Amino acid sequence: MRAPADNTTTPAASRPFQTSKDKELEQALYEKRQKIYPREVHGLFARLRLSGVATLMGIFYFTPWIVWDGRQAILFDLPGRKFYIFGLTFWPQDLIYLSALLILAALSLFFFTALAGRLWCGYACPQTVWTEVFLWIERKIEGDRMKQIKLDKAPWSSRKLAIKAAKHGSWIVLSLWTGYTFTGYFTPIRDLAVGIMTLNLGPWETFWVLFYGFATYGNAGWLREQVCIYMCPYARFQSAMFDKDTLIISYDGERGEPRGSRKRSADPSKLGLGDCIDCTMCVQACPTGIDIRNGLQYQCIGCAACIDACNDVMDRMGYDRGLVRYTTEHALSGEHTKIARPRVLIYAGILLVLLITVVYSIAVRTPAKLDIIRDRNTLYRETGEGLIENVYTLRILNKDDESHNYVITIEGLPEMQLLMDKQDIAVEAGAVKDVTARIQIDPVDIKSASNEITFHLAARDKPEIAVSETARFVGPSGGP
C-alpha cells in the first residue's frame, strides 16, 4: 500500500533531492571568481602562438603609419564616406564588398573550426592576442606564476604597491596606445597625434580613444578568461561545427590512466600506472583554468599550452610525447580520420568560389556608376515635330579620387537623338550628379511599344573609366 502524501514543507537545507551536480552548478553560478595564474610554457605551439601574436600586433600598430600615394594606406573616412585600402577606394555604394568579406570571414571560421577546432580562439582572436601581451607584461613585472601567487597573498606594503602600480601603469599605457591606434584607422593617425600633443583633440576622437583603451584594459587585464567563457558566443555554438573527425586537443586516457605520481626511474607498468604522473602542469598552463584530462570542454580555446606543458613533462620522465595532443575522436578510438569529408569540402568549395568572385569583381570594377530613372509620369509624348520623346534622369556617381568630365552616348534604335543641357558633365571626386536627358525618335523607327536602349558613360580624360546601363524606350506600338 502506498503511503499517504506528506504535504508538510521540508526546509531547503534538509531536502534530500539536491544532487551533487545541482550543488556544483549552483557553486559555478554564484561562486566568486578565482584568479587564474597561467604557467608560462615553452614549445612548438607556444612559439607558433607568440609568432601569431607578434605578427598580428605588428600589423595592427604599424599599418596606420604606412603612407600610400600621399595618404594613409588604410583609412576608414566615415565623414567623407570613403574607405581607403592601399590603392583601392570604396564608397557607400560598395558595401556589397563588405558584406562579401563578412561572409568570407564567417565561412572561413566554419571551415577552420570543422577542420581543426578553435584555431581562431587559440591563435588569432584579439582577446587571446592582447591577453598574451598583458600576461607577458605581468610576468616581467611580478615574476612567474608562483611569485604572482605569493605577491597576491602577501599583505599590502610599499613594495607590493609599487609593483602593482608599475604593472597597471604599463597596462594602461598599452591600452591607451591601442585605443589611439584603433581610432587612427578612422581619423588620420598623424592628425590624431597632433591633436593629442596640442590638446586639441575632438570630443568624438577623445571618447573613442578612452573607450577602446578602457575596453582593452578591462578585457585583457581583468576579465581575461571570463570573456571567453561567459561573454563570447562562439564558445557556445562551436560544438555544432565539430564532428568526430575534427582536430581537437585531447588527453589520451587509455595511455595516461590510472594516473599517479612516481619517481622518474620507476617503471609505471610495474606500479600499475599510466603515463600521467598527475603533476597538473596541463591545468596550471591553461589560461581558462580547465583540466583537459576531463575531456573536451567548451571553455577550451585550443591554445595548446597544455600540449607544450605535458610534452615537457614527458621529456623529463623519458616517456613518449603526445599524452595530450592534437587528435580526433576517431583517432582516439582507433578509427580512421577522414579529413576530406563532405562538410569540409563544401566549406572549401564555397570559400574558393566566393573568394575568386570577390577578387575578380574588385579587380574589374569601374570607379563610376550610372543609374537611369525614366520619367514614369508620362510614358511618352509627341513633340511638335511629330517625334516620340522619352525623358530620363541620369544619376552619375564618380567613385574615383579625381574629378572627371563625362560624356554620354546612346544606342539601340536607329536615328535616336540625345538632347541634354551639356555634353560634358563635370563630376567631382566622390560626388553624385543628376542630369536630365531626352531621347527623341521618329515613330517610323519604333517597332514595338517597349524597346531596349543602352546608355554609355565614359570619362573624357580617362576613356578606360566607362560603364553602360540599359533602359527602356516606350512608344506607340507597331509604329505610326
Protein backbone atom coordinates (compact mmCIF):
# COMPACT_ATOMS: atom_id res chain seq x y z
CA MET A 1 0.00 0.00 0.00
CA ARG A 2 1.33 3.43 -0.92
CA ALA A 3 1.99 5.76 1.98
CA PRO A 4 -0.14 8.90 2.14
CA ALA A 5 1.34 12.03 0.68
CA ASP A 6 3.08 14.30 3.10
CA ASN A 7 2.27 17.93 2.34
CA THR A 8 4.49 19.38 5.01
CA THR A 9 7.24 21.71 3.86
CA THR A 10 10.76 20.45 4.25
CA PRO A 11 13.43 23.06 4.97
CA ALA A 12 15.66 23.72 1.94
CA ALA A 13 18.79 22.78 3.85
CA SER A 14 17.45 19.27 4.57
CA ARG A 15 15.96 18.48 1.14
CA PRO A 16 17.38 15.12 0.07
CA PHE A 17 16.81 15.59 -3.69
CA GLN A 18 19.54 18.20 -4.29
CA THR A 19 22.24 16.20 -6.07
CA SER A 20 25.96 16.89 -6.18
CA LYS A 21 25.57 18.14 -9.75
CA ASP A 22 22.99 20.67 -8.53
CA LYS A 23 25.43 21.88 -5.91
CA GLU A 24 28.26 22.11 -8.44
CA LEU A 25 26.04 24.10 -10.80
CA GLU A 26 24.94 26.44 -8.02
CA GLN A 27 28.57 26.89 -6.98
CA ALA A 28 29.65 27.56 -10.57
CA LEU A 29 26.95 30.21 -10.98
CA TYR A 30 27.42 32.04 -7.72
CA GLU A 31 30.96 31.35 -6.57
CA LYS A 32 33.34 34.30 -6.57
CA ARG A 33 35.81 34.16 -9.44
CA GLN A 34 39.13 32.59 -8.56
CA LYS A 35 42.02 34.32 -10.31
CA ILE A 36 43.88 32.10 -12.77
CA TYR A 37 47.66 32.27 -12.92
CA PRO A 38 48.64 30.59 -16.21
CA ARG A 39 52.07 28.97 -16.10
CA GLU A 40 54.46 30.11 -18.81
CA VAL A 41 55.27 27.24 -21.15
CA HIS A 42 57.74 26.75 -23.98
CA GLY A 43 57.46 24.54 -27.00
CA LEU A 44 56.30 24.34 -30.60
CA PHE A 45 52.78 25.63 -30.03
CA ALA A 46 53.94 28.40 -27.71
CA ARG A 47 56.31 29.59 -30.44
CA LEU A 48 53.53 29.45 -33.03
CA ARG A 49 51.18 31.35 -30.74
CA LEU A 50 53.76 34.03 -29.92
CA SER A 51 54.66 34.36 -33.60
CA GLY A 52 51.00 34.92 -34.38
CA VAL A 53 50.72 37.48 -31.57
CA ALA A 54 53.79 39.38 -32.78
CA THR A 55 52.59 39.35 -36.40
CA LEU A 56 49.05 40.49 -35.63
CA MET A 57 50.17 43.16 -33.16
CA GLY A 58 52.71 44.43 -35.68
CA ILE A 59 50.06 44.66 -38.39
CA PHE A 60 47.64 46.44 -36.08
CA TYR A 61 50.05 49.02 -34.63
CA PHE A 62 52.16 49.84 -37.70
CA THR A 63 49.68 49.68 -40.62
CA PRO A 64 48.10 53.11 -39.91
CA TRP A 65 51.53 54.72 -40.29
CA ILE A 66 52.02 53.43 -43.84
CA VAL A 67 51.68 56.14 -46.49
CA TRP A 68 50.24 55.26 -49.91
CA ASP A 69 50.02 57.86 -52.69
CA GLY A 70 50.34 60.70 -50.21
CA ARG A 71 47.65 59.46 -47.84
CA GLN A 72 47.22 56.92 -45.08
CA ALA A 73 47.27 53.43 -46.62
CA ILE A 74 44.25 52.14 -44.67
CA LEU A 75 41.74 54.76 -43.56
CA PHE A 76 38.01 54.45 -42.99
CA ASP A 77 36.95 58.05 -43.54
CA LEU A 78 33.41 58.00 -42.20
CA PRO A 79 32.72 61.77 -42.53
CA GLY A 80 33.99 61.68 -46.11
CA ARG A 81 32.18 58.39 -46.77
CA LYS A 82 35.31 56.85 -48.26
CA PHE A 83 37.25 53.74 -47.27
CA TYR A 84 40.87 53.68 -48.41
CA ILE A 85 42.62 50.31 -48.58
CA PHE A 86 46.03 50.89 -50.17
CA GLY A 87 45.32 51.61 -53.87
CA LEU A 88 41.57 51.00 -53.61
CA THR A 89 38.86 53.46 -52.64
CA PHE A 90 35.46 52.18 -51.59
CA TRP A 91 32.28 54.22 -51.30
CA PRO A 92 28.98 53.56 -49.51
CA GLN A 93 27.71 52.10 -52.78
CA ASP A 94 30.43 49.43 -52.48
CA LEU A 95 29.08 47.98 -49.23
CA ILE A 96 28.34 44.79 -51.16
CA TYR A 97 32.06 44.08 -50.90
CA LEU A 98 31.93 44.49 -47.13
CA SER A 99 29.06 42.01 -46.99
CA ALA A 100 31.06 39.59 -49.12
CA LEU A 101 34.09 39.95 -46.83
CA LEU A 102 31.95 39.28 -43.75
CA ILE A 103 30.53 36.17 -45.41
CA LEU A 104 34.08 35.08 -46.28
CA ALA A 105 35.15 35.59 -42.66
CA ALA A 106 32.20 33.55 -41.36
CA LEU A 107 32.78 30.70 -43.83
CA SER A 108 36.49 30.71 -43.01
CA LEU A 109 35.62 30.37 -39.35
CA PHE A 110 33.32 27.43 -40.10
CA PHE A 111 35.91 25.81 -42.37
CA PHE A 112 38.85 26.02 -39.96
CA THR A 113 36.70 25.05 -36.98
CA ALA A 114 35.39 21.94 -38.74
CA LEU A 115 38.94 21.10 -39.78
CA ALA A 116 40.99 21.88 -36.68
CA GLY A 117 38.79 23.16 -33.87
CA ARG A 118 39.17 26.57 -32.28
CA LEU A 119 42.24 27.78 -34.16
CA TRP A 120 40.81 31.30 -34.25
CA CYS A 121 40.36 31.43 -30.48
CA GLY A 122 43.77 29.98 -29.65
CA TYR A 123 45.94 31.92 -32.06
CA ALA A 124 44.23 34.93 -33.66
CA CYS A 125 41.33 36.22 -31.54
CA PRO A 126 42.01 39.79 -30.28
CA GLN A 127 41.09 38.68 -26.76
CA THR A 128 43.76 35.98 -26.91
CA VAL A 129 46.34 38.25 -28.55
CA TRP A 130 46.05 41.13 -26.09
CA THR A 131 45.75 38.81 -23.09
CA GLU A 132 49.04 37.17 -24.10
CA VAL A 133 50.71 40.58 -24.16
CA PHE A 134 49.21 41.58 -20.82
CA LEU A 135 50.36 38.27 -19.30
CA TRP A 136 53.86 38.89 -20.66
CA ILE A 137 53.93 42.33 -19.01
CA GLU A 138 52.65 40.81 -15.78
CA ARG A 139 55.37 38.17 -15.75
CA LYS A 140 58.08 40.73 -16.48
CA ILE A 141 56.99 42.92 -13.56
CA GLU A 142 55.60 40.49 -10.97
CA GLY A 143 57.56 37.37 -11.85
CA ASP A 144 56.48 33.84 -12.70
CA ARG A 145 53.33 32.04 -11.56
CA MET A 146 54.49 31.23 -8.03
CA LYS A 147 55.81 34.75 -7.43
CA GLN A 148 52.49 36.20 -8.58
CA ILE A 149 50.53 33.95 -6.21
CA LYS A 150 52.88 34.80 -3.34
CA LEU A 151 52.62 38.52 -4.09
CA ASP A 152 48.82 38.49 -4.16
CA LYS A 153 48.68 36.63 -0.82
CA ALA A 154 51.16 38.99 0.82
CA PRO A 155 49.83 41.93 2.87
CA TRP A 156 49.92 45.34 1.28
CA SER A 157 53.26 47.11 1.56
CA SER A 158 55.14 49.84 -0.27
CA ARG A 159 56.90 47.16 -2.37
CA LYS A 160 53.65 45.44 -3.33
CA LEU A 161 52.01 48.78 -4.11
CA ALA A 162 54.95 49.80 -6.33
CA ILE A 163 54.89 46.51 -8.24
CA LYS A 164 51.12 46.63 -8.77
CA ALA A 165 51.27 50.28 -9.81
CA ALA A 166 54.01 49.51 -12.33
CA LYS A 167 52.01 46.64 -13.80
CA HIS A 168 48.74 48.53 -14.09
CA GLY A 169 50.52 51.63 -15.32
CA SER A 170 52.09 49.58 -18.12
CA TRP A 171 48.72 48.03 -18.92
CA ILE A 172 47.07 51.48 -19.07
CA VAL A 173 49.78 52.87 -21.36
CA LEU A 174 49.40 49.93 -23.76
CA SER A 175 45.60 50.19 -23.58
CA LEU A 176 45.62 53.90 -24.42
CA TRP A 177 48.05 53.27 -27.26
CA THR A 178 45.67 50.58 -28.50
CA GLY A 179 42.72 52.97 -28.33
CA TYR A 180 44.75 55.66 -30.11
CA THR A 181 45.81 53.24 -32.86
CA PHE A 182 42.28 51.92 -33.36
CA THR A 183 40.90 55.45 -33.64
CA GLY A 184 43.71 56.16 -36.09
CA TYR A 185 42.06 53.85 -38.60
CA PHE A 186 39.10 56.26 -38.73
CA THR A 187 40.83 59.61 -38.18
CA PRO A 188 44.23 60.12 -39.87
CA ILE A 189 46.64 58.93 -37.23
CA ARG A 190 49.10 61.77 -37.75
CA ASP A 191 46.34 64.35 -37.33
CA LEU A 192 45.29 62.46 -34.23
CA ALA A 193 48.83 62.70 -32.84
CA VAL A 194 48.93 66.45 -33.48
CA GLY A 195 45.56 66.86 -31.77
CA ILE A 196 46.79 64.97 -28.70
CA MET A 197 50.06 66.89 -28.45
CA THR A 198 48.33 70.26 -28.84
CA LEU A 199 45.47 69.26 -26.53
CA ASN A 200 43.10 69.96 -29.38
CA LEU A 201 41.55 66.53 -29.82
CA GLY A 202 37.91 66.46 -30.86
CA PRO A 203 35.27 65.11 -28.45
CA TRP A 204 34.47 62.03 -30.53
CA GLU A 205 38.13 61.11 -31.00
CA THR A 206 38.71 61.57 -27.26
CA PHE A 207 35.74 59.35 -26.46
CA TRP A 208 36.82 56.51 -28.75
CA VAL A 209 40.45 56.56 -27.62
CA LEU A 210 39.35 56.31 -23.99
CA PHE A 211 36.57 53.82 -24.74
CA TYR A 212 38.75 51.34 -26.60
CA GLY A 213 41.58 51.89 -24.16
CA PHE A 214 39.24 51.06 -21.28
CA ALA A 215 37.85 48.03 -23.14
CA THR A 216 41.37 46.70 -23.76
CA TYR A 217 42.42 47.26 -20.16
CA GLY A 218 39.28 45.62 -18.78
CA ASN A 219 39.10 42.65 -21.13
CA ALA A 220 42.79 41.72 -21.31
CA GLY A 221 43.82 42.82 -17.83
CA TRP A 222 40.86 41.89 -15.64
CA LEU A 223 38.24 39.76 -17.36
CA ARG A 224 40.56 37.54 -19.42
CA GLU A 225 39.10 34.03 -19.46
CA GLN A 226 35.71 35.39 -18.35
CA VAL A 227 35.27 36.90 -21.83
CA CYS A 228 35.90 33.50 -23.44
CA ILE A 229 33.75 31.52 -21.03
CA TYR A 230 30.77 33.79 -20.42
CA MET A 231 30.73 36.65 -22.94
CA CYS A 232 31.85 35.17 -26.26
CA PRO A 233 29.02 33.36 -28.10
CA TYR A 234 31.46 31.33 -30.19
CA ALA A 235 32.19 29.01 -27.27
CA ARG A 236 28.50 28.12 -27.11
CA PHE A 237 27.85 27.15 -30.70
CA GLN A 238 31.26 25.72 -31.62
CA SER A 239 30.06 22.17 -30.93
CA ALA A 240 27.66 22.45 -33.87
CA MET A 241 30.70 22.64 -36.16
CA PHE A 242 32.60 19.76 -34.55
CA ASP A 243 32.40 16.13 -35.55
CA LYS A 244 34.45 13.06 -34.70
CA ASP A 245 36.97 13.93 -37.43
CA THR A 246 37.61 17.48 -36.16
CA LEU A 247 41.14 18.03 -34.90
CA ILE A 248 40.89 18.85 -31.20
CA ILE A 249 43.17 18.89 -28.17
CA SER A 250 42.61 15.72 -26.18
CA TYR A 251 44.09 13.69 -23.38
CA ASP A 252 44.80 10.05 -24.19
CA GLY A 253 43.04 8.37 -21.29
CA GLU A 254 43.93 4.84 -22.33
CA ARG A 255 47.60 5.68 -22.20
CA GLY A 256 47.53 8.01 -19.21
CA GLU A 257 45.22 6.19 -16.77
CA PRO A 258 45.42 5.31 -13.99
CA ARG A 259 47.35 8.42 -13.20
CA GLY A 260 49.65 8.80 -10.21
CA SER A 261 52.95 10.23 -9.05
CA ARG A 262 56.12 8.17 -9.18
CA LYS A 263 59.87 8.53 -9.30
CA ARG A 264 61.49 9.22 -12.64
CA SER A 265 63.29 5.87 -12.56
CA ALA A 266 60.16 3.89 -11.70
CA ASP A 267 58.53 1.56 -14.20
CA PRO A 268 54.86 2.60 -14.47
CA SER A 269 53.79 -0.84 -15.70
CA LYS A 270 55.06 -2.47 -12.51
CA LEU A 271 53.23 0.13 -10.42
CA GLY A 272 50.03 -0.37 -12.39
CA LEU A 273 50.04 3.24 -13.53
CA GLY A 274 49.64 5.01 -16.83
CA ASP A 275 51.92 7.70 -18.21
CA CYS A 276 50.14 10.59 -16.47
CA ILE A 277 52.07 11.48 -13.32
CA ASP A 278 49.26 13.78 -12.11
CA CYS A 279 51.57 16.79 -11.97
CA THR A 280 48.72 19.13 -13.04
CA MET A 281 51.10 21.09 -15.26
CA CYS A 282 48.49 20.99 -18.04
CA VAL A 283 45.97 22.58 -15.67
CA GLN A 284 48.43 25.23 -14.48
CA ALA A 285 49.27 26.19 -18.08
CA CYS A 286 45.62 26.54 -19.17
CA PRO A 287 44.55 30.20 -19.50
CA THR A 288 40.92 29.27 -18.78
CA GLY A 289 41.75 27.00 -15.84
CA ILE A 290 40.25 23.74 -17.11
CA ASP A 291 41.58 20.22 -16.76
CA ILE A 292 41.96 18.81 -20.26
CA ARG A 293 42.01 15.31 -18.76
CA ASN A 294 38.27 15.64 -18.13
CA GLY A 295 37.59 15.60 -21.88
CA LEU A 296 36.58 18.22 -24.42
CA GLN A 297 35.04 21.28 -22.76
CA TYR A 298 33.56 24.43 -24.23
CA GLN A 299 35.97 26.53 -22.13
CA CYS A 300 38.94 25.15 -24.09
CA ILE A 301 40.15 27.82 -26.52
CA GLY A 302 42.56 25.50 -28.35
CA CYS A 303 45.73 27.40 -27.44
CA ALA A 304 47.67 24.10 -26.98
CA ALA A 305 49.50 25.37 -23.89
CA CYS A 306 48.62 22.08 -22.18
CA ILE A 307 50.31 20.15 -25.01
CA ASP A 308 53.59 22.02 -24.55
CA ALA A 309 53.40 21.62 -20.76
CA CYS A 310 52.70 17.87 -20.97
CA ASN A 311 55.35 17.25 -23.62
CA ASP A 312 57.93 18.92 -21.39
CA VAL A 313 56.97 16.62 -18.52
CA MET A 314 57.06 13.56 -20.79
CA ASP A 315 60.57 14.52 -21.95
CA ARG A 316 61.80 14.80 -18.38
CA MET A 317 60.22 11.48 -17.44
CA GLY A 318 61.62 9.75 -20.52
CA TYR A 319 58.16 8.89 -21.90
CA ASP A 320 56.87 9.39 -25.43
CA ARG A 321 55.29 12.72 -26.22
CA GLY A 322 51.63 13.06 -27.15
CA LEU A 323 49.80 12.16 -23.95
CA VAL A 324 47.97 15.43 -24.58
CA ARG A 325 47.94 16.20 -28.29
CA TYR A 326 46.03 17.37 -31.31
CA THR A 327 43.94 14.42 -32.41
CA THR A 328 40.38 13.41 -33.28
CA GLU A 329 37.75 11.36 -31.52
CA HIS A 330 38.02 8.73 -34.26
CA ALA A 331 41.79 8.53 -33.83
CA LEU A 332 41.46 8.13 -30.07
CA SER A 333 39.08 5.22 -30.59
CA GLY A 334 41.40 3.60 -33.14
CA GLU A 335 39.33 4.52 -36.21
CA HIS A 336 40.48 6.22 -39.40
CA THR A 337 40.22 10.01 -39.51
CA LYS A 338 38.67 11.49 -42.63
CA ILE A 339 39.99 14.93 -43.43
CA ALA A 340 38.33 15.39 -46.85
CA ARG A 341 34.77 14.87 -45.66
CA PRO A 342 31.63 16.47 -47.16
CA ARG A 343 31.34 19.32 -44.69
CA VAL A 344 34.96 20.41 -45.19
CA LEU A 345 34.77 20.07 -48.97
CA ILE A 346 31.56 22.12 -49.12
CA TYR A 347 33.05 24.89 -46.97
CA ALA A 348 36.26 24.87 -49.05
CA GLY A 349 34.37 24.96 -52.35
CA ILE A 350 32.09 27.83 -51.32
CA LEU A 351 35.07 29.74 -49.91
CA LEU A 352 37.07 29.32 -53.10
CA VAL A 353 34.23 30.37 -55.40
CA LEU A 354 33.33 33.37 -53.25
CA LEU A 355 36.96 34.45 -52.90
CA ILE A 356 37.56 34.29 -56.66
CA THR A 357 34.33 36.18 -57.29
CA VAL A 358 35.19 38.96 -54.83
CA VAL A 359 38.76 39.35 -56.08
CA TYR A 360 37.65 39.39 -59.71
CA SER A 361 34.83 41.87 -59.13
CA ILE A 362 37.17 44.24 -57.26
CA ALA A 363 39.82 43.90 -59.97
CA VAL A 364 37.46 44.76 -62.82
CA ARG A 365 35.24 47.26 -61.04
CA THR A 366 34.84 50.66 -62.65
CA PRO A 367 35.16 53.80 -60.50
CA ALA A 368 31.96 55.20 -61.95
CA LYS A 369 28.30 54.31 -61.68
CA LEU A 370 25.29 55.25 -63.77
CA ASP A 371 21.70 54.93 -62.58
CA ILE A 372 18.87 55.58 -65.04
CA ILE A 373 15.44 56.67 -63.84
CA ARG A 374 12.79 57.00 -66.57
CA ASP A 375 10.06 59.59 -66.15
CA ARG A 376 7.11 57.50 -65.01
CA ASN A 377 4.56 60.32 -65.02
CA THR A 378 4.31 60.14 -68.82
CA LEU A 379 5.06 57.00 -70.81
CA TYR A 380 5.98 59.07 -73.84
CA ARG A 381 4.99 62.27 -75.54
CA GLU A 382 4.85 63.57 -79.10
CA THR A 383 6.81 66.71 -79.93
CA GLY A 384 5.70 69.48 -82.29
CA GLU A 385 7.86 67.90 -85.00
CA GLY A 386 6.00 64.59 -84.67
CA LEU A 387 8.83 62.79 -82.86
CA ILE A 388 8.31 60.43 -79.90
CA GLU A 389 10.17 61.56 -76.79
CA ASN A 390 11.10 59.83 -73.51
CA VAL A 391 12.62 61.71 -70.57
CA TYR A 392 15.23 60.20 -68.21
CA THR A 393 17.09 61.29 -65.09
CA LEU A 394 20.72 60.12 -65.22
CA ARG A 395 22.43 59.82 -61.84
CA ILE A 396 26.21 59.79 -62.23
CA LEU A 397 28.48 58.75 -59.35
CA ASN A 398 32.20 59.44 -59.61
CA LYS A 399 33.91 56.86 -57.37
CA ASP A 400 37.39 57.92 -58.41
CA ASP A 401 39.78 60.06 -56.34
CA GLU A 402 39.83 62.68 -59.11
CA SER A 403 37.13 64.78 -60.74
CA HIS A 404 36.20 63.89 -64.34
CA ASN A 405 34.23 65.24 -67.28
CA TYR A 406 31.88 62.56 -68.54
CA VAL A 407 30.21 62.16 -71.92
CA ILE A 408 27.09 60.10 -72.62
CA THR A 409 26.18 58.28 -75.80
CA ILE A 410 23.23 56.00 -76.64
CA GLU A 411 22.47 53.09 -78.93
CA GLY A 412 19.68 50.59 -79.52
CA LEU A 413 17.30 52.25 -82.01
CA PRO A 414 18.11 53.88 -85.35
CA GLU A 415 18.32 57.66 -85.69
CA MET A 416 17.91 58.35 -81.97
CA GLN A 417 18.63 61.88 -80.82
CA LEU A 418 20.04 62.55 -77.34
CA LEU A 419 19.25 66.01 -76.02
CA MET A 420 20.99 67.32 -72.89
CA ASP A 421 21.78 70.75 -71.50
CA LYS A 422 25.53 70.00 -71.53
CA GLN A 423 27.52 67.48 -73.49
CA ASP A 424 30.34 67.43 -70.90
CA ILE A 425 29.17 66.60 -67.38
CA ALA A 426 31.70 67.58 -64.69
CA VAL A 427 31.50 65.47 -61.53
CA GLU A 428 33.80 65.99 -58.54
CA ALA A 429 35.58 63.09 -56.84
CA GLY A 430 33.10 61.16 -54.75
CA ALA A 431 30.20 63.34 -55.86
CA VAL A 432 26.83 62.41 -57.33
CA LYS A 433 25.25 64.48 -60.09
CA ASP A 434 21.79 64.23 -61.64
CA VAL A 435 21.23 65.32 -65.21
CA THR A 436 18.13 65.23 -67.40
CA ALA A 437 18.32 63.51 -70.78
CA ARG A 438 15.65 63.49 -73.50
CA ILE A 439 15.63 60.94 -76.32
CA GLN A 440 13.64 61.61 -79.45
CA ILE A 441 12.99 59.27 -82.38
CA ASP A 442 10.86 59.17 -85.48
CA PRO A 443 7.84 56.90 -84.82
CA VAL A 444 8.60 55.11 -88.10
CA ASP A 445 11.71 53.63 -86.45
CA ILE A 446 9.79 52.29 -83.45
CA LYS A 447 8.90 48.63 -83.96
CA SER A 448 7.31 47.83 -80.57
CA ALA A 449 5.79 49.51 -77.58
CA SER A 450 8.86 48.86 -75.39
CA ASN A 451 12.39 48.90 -76.77
CA GLU A 452 15.72 48.28 -75.10
CA ILE A 453 18.30 51.03 -75.38
CA THR A 454 21.76 51.43 -73.84
CA PHE A 455 23.39 54.47 -72.24
CA HIS A 456 27.20 54.62 -72.34
CA LEU A 457 29.04 56.77 -69.81
CA ALA A 458 32.78 57.48 -70.25
CA ALA A 459 35.30 59.88 -68.75
CA ARG A 460 36.68 62.16 -71.44
CA ASP A 461 40.18 62.30 -69.89
CA LYS A 462 40.24 58.58 -68.99
CA PRO A 463 38.31 56.53 -71.57
CA GLU A 464 39.04 53.36 -69.60
CA ILE A 465 36.59 54.64 -66.99
CA ALA A 466 33.41 53.65 -68.74
CA VAL A 467 30.14 51.99 -67.77
CA SER A 468 26.97 51.03 -69.66
CA GLU A 469 23.41 50.63 -68.43
CA THR A 470 20.26 49.55 -70.25
CA ALA A 471 16.86 51.24 -70.15
CA ARG A 472 13.50 51.04 -71.91
CA PHE A 473 12.21 53.42 -74.58
CA VAL A 474 8.42 53.43 -74.72
CA GLY A 475 6.43 54.49 -77.77
CA PRO A 476 3.27 53.71 -79.72
CA SER A 477 3.01 50.03 -80.60
CA GLY A 478 3.81 48.97 -84.17
CA GLY A 479 4.98 52.33 -85.46
CA PRO A 480 2.73 55.14 -86.76
